[in-house]
Amino acid sequence: MTAFSIKAFAIAALLGAFAAPASAQTAATPWELRSDMGYAYDKDGKTFSYKMGTSNAGELLKGAKKVPKGTLFFIGHNGQLYMRSGPYLEGDGKFKFGPDQ
């Protein structure tokens, strides 16, 4: 799986999660990543998915960067996409930035 597709899918999945109404914290679910798909977050903040081929994979990887393990993607109150490296879970495994209860 390319670094681009992992990062882009992460962004797309995260955007979908933030579109849901706020509610009590639920258990995290793993993402189902596919190596034959590309996911994009465009300049207008829209998300897209693309079926990918292999003929130009080398070009796709030029300039691509691996997403470090332990990276959290989120949408700020201003609608901007952000990423944060560092801890995002409490010692008990609960999401550190979950809703106040």
Protein backbone atom coordinates (compact mmCIF):
# COMPACT_ATOMS: atom_id res chain seq x y z
CA MET A 1 0.00 0.00 0.00
CA THR A 2 1.38 3.40 -0.88
CA ALA A 3 1.96 6.08 1.71
CA PHE A 4 -0.34 8.36 -0.29
CA SER A 5 -3.27 5.98 -0.14
CA ILE A 6 -2.87 5.36 3.60
CA LYS A 7 -2.69 9.06 4.42
CA ALA A 8 -5.48 10.02 2.06
CA PHE A 9 -7.74 7.24 3.32
CA ALA A 10 -7.05 8.32 6.87
CA ILE A 11 -8.12 11.82 5.99
CA ALA A 12 -11.28 10.66 4.22
CA ALA A 13 -12.28 8.36 7.05
CA LEU A 14 -11.61 11.04 9.61
CA LEU A 15 -13.70 13.57 7.74
CA GLY A 16 -16.60 11.14 7.75
CA ALA A 17 -16.25 10.61 11.48
CA PHE A 18 -16.40 14.33 12.18
CA ALA A 19 -19.52 14.72 10.08
CA ALA A 20 -21.45 12.58 12.58
CA PRO A 21 -23.26 14.34 15.42
CA ALA A 22 -21.46 14.54 18.77
CA SER A 23 -22.38 11.70 21.11
CA ALA A 24 -20.91 9.56 23.86
CA GLN A 25 -17.49 8.12 23.11
CA THR A 26 -17.65 4.84 21.23
CA ALA A 27 -15.01 2.20 20.72
CA ALA A 28 -12.46 2.92 17.99
CA THR A 29 -12.73 0.84 14.85
CA PRO A 30 -9.81 -0.04 12.58
CA TRP A 31 -9.74 1.35 9.07
CA GLU A 32 -9.99 -1.02 6.17
CA LEU A 33 -7.26 0.25 3.84
CA ARG A 34 -6.99 -0.94 0.25
CA SER A 35 -3.80 -0.81 -1.74
CA ASP A 36 -5.64 -0.24 -5.02
CA MET A 37 -7.38 2.95 -3.90
CA GLY A 38 -6.22 6.54 -3.52
CA TYR A 39 -7.98 9.02 -1.26
CA ALA A 40 -7.79 12.79 -1.57
CA TYR A 41 -8.64 15.88 0.43
CA ASP A 42 -8.77 18.68 -2.12
CA LYS A 43 -8.09 22.41 -1.84
CA ASP A 44 -11.78 23.07 -1.19
CA GLY A 45 -11.96 20.56 1.68
CA LYS A 46 -13.83 17.89 -0.29
CA THR A 47 -12.86 14.23 -0.15
CA PHE A 48 -12.58 11.83 -3.06
CA SER A 49 -11.56 8.23 -3.65
CA TYR A 50 -9.89 6.94 -6.79
CA LYS A 51 -9.29 3.46 -8.19
CA MET A 52 -5.54 3.22 -8.71
CA GLY A 53 -3.44 1.38 -11.25
CA THR A 54 0.19 0.27 -11.11
CA SER A 55 1.67 1.67 -14.34
CA ASN A 56 2.70 4.96 -12.73
CA ALA A 57 3.25 3.89 -9.11
CA GLY A 58 6.83 5.19 -9.20
CA GLU A 59 5.62 8.67 -10.05
CA LEU A 60 3.02 8.51 -7.27
CA LEU A 61 5.71 7.74 -4.70
CA LYS A 62 7.90 10.70 -5.75
CA GLY A 63 7.42 13.34 -3.10
CA ALA A 64 5.19 11.08 -1.00
CA LYS A 65 5.91 10.84 2.72
CA LYS A 66 5.13 8.04 5.12
CA VAL A 67 2.64 8.91 7.82
CA PRO A 68 4.31 8.28 11.19
CA LYS A 69 2.67 5.77 13.49
CA GLY A 70 0.87 7.58 16.28
CA THR A 71 -0.55 10.31 14.01
CA LEU A 72 -4.03 11.70 14.62
CA PHE A 73 -5.97 13.57 11.89
CA PHE A 74 -8.80 15.91 12.83
CA ILE A 75 -10.88 18.85 11.62
CA GLY A 76 -10.60 22.04 13.66
CA HIS A 77 -13.51 24.35 14.47
CA ASN A 78 -12.43 26.44 11.48
CA GLY A 79 -12.98 23.49 9.09
CA GLN A 80 -9.24 23.06 8.47
CA LEU A 81 -7.70 19.58 8.43
CA TYR A 82 -4.93 19.07 10.99
CA MET A 83 -2.61 16.25 11.99
CA ARG A 84 -0.91 15.73 15.31
CA SER A 85 1.89 13.36 16.15
CA GLY A 86 2.08 12.27 19.72
CA PRO A 87 -0.08 10.56 22.28
CA TYR A 88 -3.81 10.68 21.75
CA LEU A 89 -4.83 7.88 24.13
CA GLU A 90 -5.02 7.96 27.92
CA GLY A 91 -3.21 5.31 29.95
CA ASP A 92 -6.42 3.24 30.06
CA GLY A 93 -6.72 3.30 26.25
CA LYS A 94 -9.53 5.87 26.08
CA PHE A 95 -9.34 8.67 23.53
CA LYS A 96 -7.64 11.62 25.22
CA PHE A 97 -9.65 14.25 23.38
CA GLY A 98 -13.11 12.68 23.67
CA PRO A 99 -16.30 14.52 24.63
CA ASP A 100 -16.58 15.90 28.15
CA GLN A 101 -18.82 13.80 30.31
